[in-house]
């Protein structure tokens, strides 16, 4: 794999923090940034590999069912004798 040279504009505080962190880990800034980019891109890839996550948005139409479940739970907790908690 061939390395590509590029120029990035990074805010000074972020640059200093990245450079210091790289030094603390015994890495060059190039190694640190490469690793950080791989982690960030890998996280996106991992999220894309979980297609079941898209179904969470479909739960919002079930608020009436959630309210019913909450009411049942509250009713059951009212039946608990306070002495049982001691």
PDB file of N, CA and C in Angstrom:
ATOM      1  N   UNK A   1       0.849  -1.169   0.000  1.00  0.00           N
ATOM      2  CA  UNK A   1       0.000   0.000   0.000  1.00  0.00           C
ATOM      3  C   UNK A   1       0.900   1.239   0.000  1.00  0.00           C
ATOM      4  N   UNK A   2       0.559   2.167  -0.831  1.00  0.00           N
ATOM      5  CA  UNK A   2       1.361   3.386  -0.960  1.00  0.00           C
ATOM      6  C   UNK A   2       0.765   4.496  -0.092  1.00  0.00           C
ATOM      7  N   UNK A   3       1.634   5.246   0.579  1.00  0.00           N
ATOM      8  CA  UNK A   3       1.173   6.368   1.393  1.00  0.00           C
ATOM      9  C   UNK A   3       0.860   7.564   0.505  1.00  0.00           C
ATOM     10  N   UNK A   4      -0.159   8.320   0.896  1.00  0.00           N
ATOM     11  CA  UNK A   4      -0.565   9.508   0.174  1.00  0.00           C
ATOM     12  C   UNK A   4      -0.244  10.720   1.031  1.00  0.00           C
ATOM     13  N   UNK A   5       0.362  11.703   0.440  1.00  0.00           N
ATOM     14  CA  UNK A   5       0.638  12.941   1.171  1.00  0.00           C
ATOM     15  C   UNK A   5      -0.514  13.893   0.956  1.00  0.00           C
ATOM     16  N   UNK A   6      -0.857  14.609   2.021  1.00  0.00           N
ATOM     17  CA  UNK A   6      -1.932  15.590   1.926  1.00  0.00           C
ATOM     18  C   UNK A   6      -1.685  16.682   2.949  1.00  0.00           C
ATOM     19  N   UNK A   7      -2.422  17.757   2.826  1.00  0.00           N
ATOM     20  CA  UNK A   7      -2.336  18.856   3.778  1.00  0.00           C
ATOM     21  C   UNK A   7      -3.689  19.006   4.446  1.00  0.00           C
ATOM     22  N   UNK A   8      -3.684  19.045   5.764  1.00  0.00           N
ATOM     23  CA  UNK A   8      -4.913  19.230   6.528  1.00  0.00           C
ATOM     24  C   UNK A   8      -4.789  20.469   7.391  1.00  0.00           C
ATOM     25  N   UNK A   9      -5.886  21.182   7.536  1.00  0.00           N
ATOM     26  CA  UNK A   9      -5.920  22.300   8.475  1.00  0.00           C
ATOM     27  C   UNK A   9      -6.637  21.812   9.718  1.00  0.00           C
ATOM     28  N   UNK A  10      -5.887  21.778  10.824  1.00  0.00           N
ATOM     29  CA  UNK A  10      -6.412  21.283  12.096  1.00  0.00           C
ATOM     30  C   UNK A  10      -6.300  22.415  13.112  1.00  0.00           C
ATOM     31  N   UNK A  11      -7.336  22.642  13.899  1.00  0.00           N
ATOM     32  CA  UNK A  11      -7.241  23.688  14.923  1.00  0.00           C
ATOM     33  C   UNK A  11      -6.036  23.448  15.830  1.00  0.00           C
ATOM     34  N   UNK A  12      -5.336  24.518  16.185  1.00  0.00           N
ATOM     35  CA  UNK A  12      -4.125  24.418  16.990  1.00  0.00           C
ATOM     36  C   UNK A  12      -4.293  23.589  18.254  1.00  0.00           C
ATOM     37  N   UNK A  13      -5.331  23.809  19.067  1.00  0.00           N
ATOM     38  CA  UNK A  13      -5.452  23.011  20.298  1.00  0.00           C
ATOM     39  C   UNK A  13      -5.589  21.505  20.002  1.00  0.00           C
ATOM     40  N   UNK A  14      -6.321  21.150  18.961  1.00  0.00           N
ATOM     41  CA  UNK A  14      -6.493  19.750  18.593  1.00  0.00           C
ATOM     42  C   UNK A  14      -5.176  19.161  18.102  1.00  0.00           C
ATOM     43  N   UNK A  15      -4.435  19.928  17.320  1.00  0.00           N
ATOM     44  CA  UNK A  15      -3.129  19.474  16.828  1.00  0.00           C
ATOM     45  C   UNK A  15      -2.182  19.197  17.989  1.00  0.00           C
ATOM     46  N   UNK A  16      -2.128  20.134  18.935  1.00  0.00           N
ATOM     47  CA  UNK A  16      -1.228  19.973  20.077  1.00  0.00           C
ATOM     48  C   UNK A  16      -1.628  18.753  20.917  1.00  0.00           C
ATOM     49  N   UNK A  17      -2.919  18.558  21.103  1.00  0.00           N
ATOM     50  CA  UNK A  17      -3.406  17.419  21.874  1.00  0.00           C
ATOM     51  C   UNK A  17      -3.069  16.107  21.165  1.00  0.00           C
ATOM     52  N   UNK A  18      -3.257  16.062  19.854  1.00  0.00           N
ATOM     53  CA  UNK A  18      -2.951  14.849  19.085  1.00  0.00           C
ATOM     54  C   UNK A  18      -1.454  14.546  19.130  1.00  0.00           C
ATOM     55  N   UNK A  19      -0.647  15.575  18.963  1.00  0.00           N
ATOM     56  CA  UNK A  19       0.802  15.385  18.965  1.00  0.00           C
ATOM     57  C   UNK A  19       1.287  14.905  20.337  1.00  0.00           C
ATOM     58  N   UNK A  20       0.744  15.493  21.411  1.00  0.00           N
ATOM     59  CA  UNK A  20       1.137  15.095  22.767  1.00  0.00           C
ATOM     60  C   UNK A  20       0.683  13.663  23.064  1.00  0.00           C
ATOM     61  N   UNK A  21      -0.520  13.322  22.654  1.00  0.00           N
ATOM     62  CA  UNK A  21      -1.035  11.974  22.891  1.00  0.00           C
ATOM     63  C   UNK A  21      -0.220  10.948  22.123  1.00  0.00           C
ATOM     64  N   UNK A  22       0.132  11.268  20.887  1.00  0.00           N
ATOM     65  CA  UNK A  22       0.966  10.369  20.088  1.00  0.00           C
ATOM     66  C   UNK A  22       2.301  10.142  20.786  1.00  0.00           C
ATOM     67  N   UNK A  23       2.897  11.200  21.282  1.00  0.00           N
ATOM     68  CA  UNK A  23       4.190  11.088  21.962  1.00  0.00           C
ATOM     69  C   UNK A  23       4.074  10.244  23.229  1.00  0.00           C
ATOM     70  N   UNK A  24       2.970  10.403  23.966  1.00  0.00           N
ATOM     71  CA  UNK A  24       2.769   9.618  25.181  1.00  0.00           C
ATOM     72  C   UNK A  24       2.673   8.126  24.875  1.00  0.00           C
ATOM     73  N   UNK A  25       2.168   7.807  23.685  1.00  0.00           N
ATOM     74  CA  UNK A  25       2.027   6.407  23.284  1.00  0.00           C
ATOM     75  C   UNK A  25       3.215   5.908  22.455  1.00  0.00           C
ATOM     76  N   UNK A  26       4.231   6.742  22.339  1.00  0.00           N
ATOM     77  CA  UNK A  26       5.419   6.356  21.579  1.00  0.00           C
ATOM     78  C   UNK A  26       5.163   6.243  20.085  1.00  0.00           C
ATOM     79  N   UNK A  27       4.243   7.041  19.580  1.00  0.00           N
ATOM     80  CA  UNK A  27       3.892   7.019  18.158  1.00  0.00           C
ATOM     81  C   UNK A  27       4.274   8.329  17.505  1.00  0.00           C
ATOM     82  N   UNK A  28       4.415   8.263  16.192  1.00  0.00           N
ATOM     83  CA  UNK A  28       4.549   9.499  15.433  1.00  0.00           C
ATOM     84  C   UNK A  28       3.148  10.061  15.240  1.00  0.00           C
ATOM     85  N   UNK A  29       3.055  11.317  14.875  1.00  0.00           N
ATOM     86  CA  UNK A  29       1.755  11.923  14.605  1.00  0.00           C
ATOM     87  C   UNK A  29       1.077  11.197  13.440  1.00  0.00           C
ATOM     88  N   UNK A  30       1.860  10.793  12.446  1.00  0.00           N
ATOM     89  CA  UNK A  30       1.311  10.067  11.298  1.00  0.00           C
ATOM     90  C   UNK A  30       0.677   8.752  11.764  1.00  0.00           C
ATOM     91  N   UNK A  31       1.363   8.013  12.626  1.00  0.00           N
ATOM     92  CA  UNK A  31       0.822   6.745  13.126  1.00  0.00           C
ATOM     93  C   UNK A  31      -0.463   6.977  13.925  1.00  0.00           C
ATOM     94  N   UNK A  32      -0.437   8.008  14.754  1.00  0.00           N
ATOM     95  CA  UNK A  32      -1.591   8.314  15.599  1.00  0.00           C
ATOM     96  C   UNK A  32      -2.811   8.681  14.756  1.00  0.00           C
ATOM     97  N   UNK A  33      -2.613   9.551  13.795  1.00  0.00           N
ATOM     98  CA  UNK A  33      -3.732   9.992  12.950  1.00  0.00           C
ATOM     99  C   UNK A  33      -4.243   8.838  12.094  1.00  0.00           C
ATOM    100  N   UNK A  34      -3.344   8.026  11.576  1.00  0.00           N
ATOM    101  CA  UNK A  34      -3.754   6.863  10.770  1.00  0.00           C
ATOM    102  C   UNK A  34      -4.599   5.923  11.606  1.00  0.00           C
ATOM    103  N   UNK A  35      -4.153   5.645  12.832  1.00  0.00           N
ATOM    104  CA  UNK A  35      -4.902   4.757  13.726  1.00  0.00           C
ATOM    105  C   UNK A  35      -6.270   5.348  14.067  1.00  0.00           C
ATOM    106  N   UNK A  36      -6.299   6.645  14.337  1.00  0.00           N
ATOM    107  CA  UNK A  36      -7.564   7.305  14.674  1.00  0.00           C
ATOM    108  C   UNK A  36      -8.544   7.253  13.505  1.00  0.00           C
ATOM    109  N   UNK A  37      -8.040   7.447  12.311  1.00  0.00           N
ATOM    110  CA  UNK A  37      -8.910   7.391  11.134  1.00  0.00           C
ATOM    111  C   UNK A  37      -9.435   5.972  10.912  1.00  0.00           C
ATOM    112  N   UNK A  38      -8.567   4.984  11.100  1.00  0.00           N
ATOM    113  CA  UNK A  38      -9.008   3.586  10.949  1.00  0.00           C
ATOM    114  C   UNK A  38     -10.102   3.250  11.952  1.00  0.00           C
ATOM    115  N   UNK A  39      -9.928   3.701  13.203  1.00  0.00           N
ATOM    116  CA  UNK A  39     -10.938   3.443  14.235  1.00  0.00           C
ATOM    117  C   UNK A  39     -12.261   4.108  13.879  1.00  0.00           C
ATOM    118  N   UNK A  40     -12.201   5.354  13.445  1.00  0.00           N
ATOM    119  CA  UNK A  40     -13.426   6.093  13.103  1.00  0.00           C
ATOM    120  C   UNK A  40     -14.133   5.445  11.917  1.00  0.00           C
ATOM    121  N   UNK A  41     -13.381   5.095  10.903  1.00  0.00           N
ATOM    122  CA  UNK A  41     -13.983   4.474   9.722  1.00  0.00           C
ATOM    123  C   UNK A  41     -14.477   3.066  10.037  1.00  0.00           C
ATOM    124  N   UNK A  42     -13.773   2.355  10.900  1.00  0.00           N
ATOM    125  CA  UNK A  42     -14.200   1.011  11.301  1.00  0.00           C
ATOM    126  C   UNK A  42     -15.490   1.051  12.097  1.00  0.00           C
ATOM    127  N   UNK A  43     -15.667   2.079  12.925  1.00  0.00           N
ATOM    128  CA  UNK A  43     -16.890   2.213  13.713  1.00  0.00           C
ATOM    129  C   UNK A  43     -18.088   2.422  12.798  1.00  0.00           C
ATOM    130  N   UNK A  44     -17.909   3.204  11.760  1.00  0.00           N
ATOM    131  CA  UNK A  44     -19.012   3.422  10.812  1.00  0.00           C
ATOM    132  C   UNK A  44     -19.357   2.133  10.088  1.00  0.00           C
ATOM    133  N   UNK A  45     -18.329   1.383   9.722  1.00  0.00           N
ATOM    134  CA  UNK A  45     -18.540   0.120   9.022  1.00  0.00           C
ATOM    135  C   UNK A  45     -19.272  -0.862   9.929  1.00  0.00           C
ATOM    136  N   UNK A  46     -18.888  -0.886  11.211  1.00  0.00           N
ATOM    137  CA  UNK A  46     -19.538  -1.782  12.170  1.00  0.00           C
ATOM    138  C   UNK A  46     -21.006  -1.419  12.334  1.00  0.00           C
ATOM    139  N   UNK A  47     -21.309  -0.115  12.381  1.00  0.00           N
ATOM    140  CA  UNK A  47     -22.703   0.313  12.517  1.00  0.00           C
ATOM    141  C   UNK A  47     -23.513  -0.083  11.293  1.00  0.00           C
ATOM    142  N   UNK A  48     -22.901   0.004  10.124  1.00  0.00           N
ATOM    143  CA  UNK A  48     -23.595  -0.367   8.891  1.00  0.00           C
ATOM    144  C   UNK A  48     -23.836  -1.869   8.822  1.00  0.00           C
ATOM    145  N   UNK A  49     -23.042  -2.648   9.565  1.00  0.00           N
ATOM    146  CA  UNK A  49     -23.191  -4.098   9.528  1.00  0.00           C
ATOM    147  C   UNK A  49     -24.272  -4.584  10.488  1.00  0.00           C
ATOM    148  N   UNK A  50     -24.966  -3.655  11.153  1.00  0.00           N
ATOM    149  CA  UNK A  50     -26.053  -4.016  12.062  1.00  0.00           C
ATOM    150  C   UNK A  50     -27.377  -3.518  11.484  1.00  0.00           C
ATOM    151  N   UNK A  51     -27.905  -4.173  10.461  1.00  0.00           N
ATOM    152  CA  UNK A  51     -29.123  -3.681   9.814  1.00  0.00           C
ATOM    153  C   UNK A  51     -30.338  -3.666  10.730  1.00  0.00           C
ATOM    154  N   UNK A  52     -30.318  -4.471  11.789  1.00  0.00           N
ATOM    155  CA  UNK A  52     -31.460  -4.502  12.702  1.00  0.00           C
ATOM    156  C   UNK A  52     -31.648  -3.175  13.408  1.00  0.00           C
ATOM    157  N   UNK A  53     -30.614  -2.333  13.455  1.00  0.00           N
ATOM    158  CA  UNK A  53     -30.725  -1.031  14.120  1.00  0.00           C
ATOM    159  C   UNK A  53     -31.764  -0.137  13.449  1.00  0.00           C
ATOM    160  N   UNK A  54     -31.997  -0.311  12.156  1.00  0.00           N
ATOM    161  CA  UNK A  54     -32.947   0.564  11.459  1.00  0.00           C
ATOM    162  C   UNK A  54     -34.371   0.374  11.971  1.00  0.00           C
ATOM    163  N   UNK A  55     -34.662  -0.761  12.602  1.00  0.00           N
ATOM    164  CA  UNK A  55     -36.019  -1.038  13.073  1.00  0.00           C
ATOM    165  C   UNK A  55     -36.359  -0.300  14.360  1.00  0.00           C
ATOM    166  N   UNK A  56     -35.397   0.248  15.036  1.00  0.00           N
ATOM    167  CA  UNK A  56     -35.706   0.979  16.257  1.00  0.00           C
ATOM    168  C   UNK A  56     -36.595   2.182  15.985  1.00  0.00           C
ATOM    169  N   UNK A  57     -36.464   2.785  14.837  1.00  0.00           N
ATOM    170  CA  UNK A  57     -37.303   3.934  14.493  1.00  0.00           C
ATOM    171  C   UNK A  57     -38.767   3.575  14.372  1.00  0.00           C
ATOM    172  N   UNK A  58     -39.078   2.317  14.115  1.00  0.00           N
ATOM    173  CA  UNK A  58     -40.478   1.920  13.940  1.00  0.00           C
ATOM    174  C   UNK A  58     -41.200   1.752  15.263  1.00  0.00           C
ATOM    175  N   UNK A  59     -40.507   1.823  16.377  1.00  0.00           N
ATOM    176  CA  UNK A  59     -41.145   1.660  17.671  1.00  0.00           C
ATOM    177  C   UNK A  59     -41.942   2.886  18.098  1.00  0.00           C
ATOM    178  N   UNK A  60     -41.707   4.033  17.489  1.00  0.00           N
ATOM    179  CA  UNK A  60     -42.362   5.247  17.952  1.00  0.00           C
ATOM    180  C   UNK A  60     -43.877   5.216  17.767  1.00  0.00           C
ATOM    181  N   UNK A  61     -44.400   4.377  16.916  1.00  0.00           N
ATOM    182  CA  UNK A  61     -45.838   4.283  16.726  1.00  0.00           C
ATOM    183  C   UNK A  61     -46.535   3.433  17.773  1.00  0.00           C
ATOM    184  N   UNK A  62     -45.800   2.934  18.732  1.00  0.00           N
ATOM    185  CA  UNK A  62     -46.361   2.033  19.734  1.00  0.00           C
ATOM    186  C   UNK A  62     -46.465   2.677  21.109  1.00  0.00           C
ATOM    187  N   UNK A  63     -46.583   3.987  21.168  1.00  0.00           N
ATOM    188  CA  UNK A  63     -46.597   4.666  22.467  1.00  0.00           C
ATOM    189  C   UNK A  63     -47.792   4.251  23.317  1.00  0.00           C
ATOM    190  N   UNK A  64     -48.939   3.934  22.713  1.00  0.00           N
ATOM    191  CA  UNK A  64     -50.102   3.494  23.487  1.00  0.00           C
ATOM    192  C   UNK A  64     -49.790   2.177  24.190  1.00  0.00           C
ATOM    193  N   UNK A  65     -49.122   1.269  23.508  1.00  0.00           N
ATOM    194  CA  UNK A  65     -48.743  -0.004  24.120  1.00  0.00           C
ATOM    195  C   UNK A  65     -47.763   0.226  25.256  1.00  0.00           C
ATOM    196  N   UNK A  66     -46.817   1.159  25.069  1.00  0.00           N
ATOM    197  CA  UNK A  66     -45.852   1.451  26.123  1.00  0.00           C
ATOM    198  C   UNK A  66     -46.556   2.018  27.358  1.00  0.00           C
ATOM    199  N   UNK A  67     -47.549   2.889  27.147  1.00  0.00           N
ATOM    200  CA  UNK A  67     -48.289   3.452  28.273  1.00  0.00           C
ATOM    201  C   UNK A  67     -49.032   2.340  29.026  1.00  0.00           C
ATOM    202  N   UNK A  68     -49.604   1.399  28.287  1.00  0.00           N
ATOM    203  CA  UNK A  68     -50.319   0.284  28.905  1.00  0.00           C
ATOM    204  C   UNK A  68     -49.363  -0.571  29.745  1.00  0.00           C
ATOM    205  N   UNK A  69     -48.201  -0.842  29.208  1.00  0.00           N
ATOM    206  CA  UNK A  69     -47.196  -1.616  29.947  1.00  0.00           C
ATOM    207  C   UNK A  69     -46.771  -0.872  31.203  1.00  0.00           C
ATOM    208  N   UNK A  70     -46.540   0.440  31.091  1.00  0.00           N
ATOM    209  CA  UNK A  70     -46.160   1.243  32.258  1.00  0.00           C
ATOM    210  C   UNK A  70     -47.242   1.198  33.329  1.00  0.00           C
ATOM    211  N   UNK A  71     -48.512   1.249  32.911  1.00  0.00           N
ATOM    212  CA  UNK A  71     -49.615   1.206  33.872  1.00  0.00           C
ATOM    213  C   UNK A  71     -49.657  -0.136  34.581  1.00  0.00           C
ATOM    214  N   UNK A  72     -49.431  -1.213  33.854  1.00  0.00           N
ATOM    215  CA  UNK A  72     -49.425  -2.550  34.462  1.00  0.00           C
ATOM    216  C   UNK A  72     -48.295  -2.669  35.478  1.00  0.00           C
ATOM    217  N   UNK A  73     -47.127  -2.170  35.123  1.00  0.00           N
ATOM    218  CA  UNK A  73     -45.983  -2.211  36.044  1.00  0.00           C
ATOM    219  C   UNK A  73     -46.268  -1.396  37.295  1.00  0.00           C
ATOM    220  N   UNK A  74     -46.822  -0.186  37.116  1.00  0.00           N
ATOM    221  CA  UNK A  74     -47.144   0.667  38.267  1.00  0.00           C
ATOM    222  C   UNK A  74     -48.160  -0.022  39.168  1.00  0.00           C
ATOM    223  N   UNK A  75     -49.162  -0.659  38.570  1.00  0.00           N
ATOM    224  CA  UNK A  75     -50.176  -1.373  39.342  1.00  0.00           C
ATOM    225  C   UNK A  75     -49.549  -2.506  40.157  1.00  0.00           C
ATOM    226  N   UNK A  76     -48.640  -3.234  39.554  1.00  0.00           N
ATOM    227  CA  UNK A  76     -47.979  -4.336  40.256  1.00  0.00           C
ATOM    228  C   UNK A  76     -47.124  -3.828  41.413  1.00  0.00           C
ATOM    229  N   UNK A  77     -46.461  -2.687  41.220  1.00  0.00           N
ATOM    230  CA  UNK A  77     -45.633  -2.147  42.292  1.00  0.00           C
ATOM    231  C   UNK A  77     -46.485  -1.659  43.461  1.00  0.00           C
ATOM    232  N   UNK A  78     -47.731  -1.251  43.188  1.00  0.00           N
ATOM    233  CA  UNK A  78     -48.613  -0.821  44.267  1.00  0.00           C
ATOM    234  C   UNK A  78     -49.004  -1.997  45.150  1.00  0.00           C
ATOM    235  N   UNK A  79     -48.961  -3.198  44.620  1.00  0.00           N
ATOM    236  CA  UNK A  79     -49.326  -4.394  45.372  1.00  0.00           C
ATOM    237  C   UNK A  79     -48.209  -4.873  46.294  1.00  0.00           C
ATOM    238  N   UNK A  80     -47.018  -4.368  46.140  1.00  0.00           N
ATOM    239  CA  UNK A  80     -45.891  -4.804  46.957  1.00  0.00           C
ATOM    240  C   UNK A  80     -46.039  -4.228  48.353  1.00  0.00           C
ATOM    241  N   UNK A  81     -45.942  -5.097  49.325  1.00  0.00           N
ATOM    242  CA  UNK A  81     -46.024  -4.681  50.715  1.00  0.00           C
ATOM    243  C   UNK A  81     -44.707  -3.992  51.093  1.00  0.00           C
ATOM    244  N   UNK A  82     -44.793  -2.774  51.648  1.00  0.00           N
ATOM    245  CA  UNK A  82     -43.566  -2.067  52.059  1.00  0.00           C
ATOM    246  C   UNK A  82     -42.672  -2.878  52.985  1.00  0.00           C
ATOM    247  N   UNK A  83     -43.262  -3.796  53.743  1.00  0.00           N
ATOM    248  CA  UNK A  83     -42.472  -4.651  54.641  1.00  0.00           C
ATOM    249  C   UNK A  83     -41.544  -5.578  53.858  1.00  0.00           C
ATOM    250  N   UNK A  84     -41.938  -5.909  52.623  1.00  0.00           N
ATOM    251  CA  UNK A  84     -41.110  -6.780  51.794  1.00  0.00           C
ATOM    252  C   UNK A  84     -39.801  -6.113  51.396  1.00  0.00           C
ATOM    253  N   UNK A  85     -39.735  -4.794  51.442  1.00  0.00           N
ATOM    254  CA  UNK A  85     -38.541  -4.071  51.017  1.00  0.00           C
ATOM    255  C   UNK A  85     -37.510  -3.979  52.126  1.00  0.00           C
ATOM    256  N   UNK A  86     -37.873  -4.396  53.321  1.00  0.00           N
ATOM    257  CA  UNK A  86     -36.933  -4.255  54.451  1.00  0.00           C
ATOM    258  C   UNK A  86     -35.996  -5.422  54.533  1.00  0.00           C
TER     259      UNK A  86
END
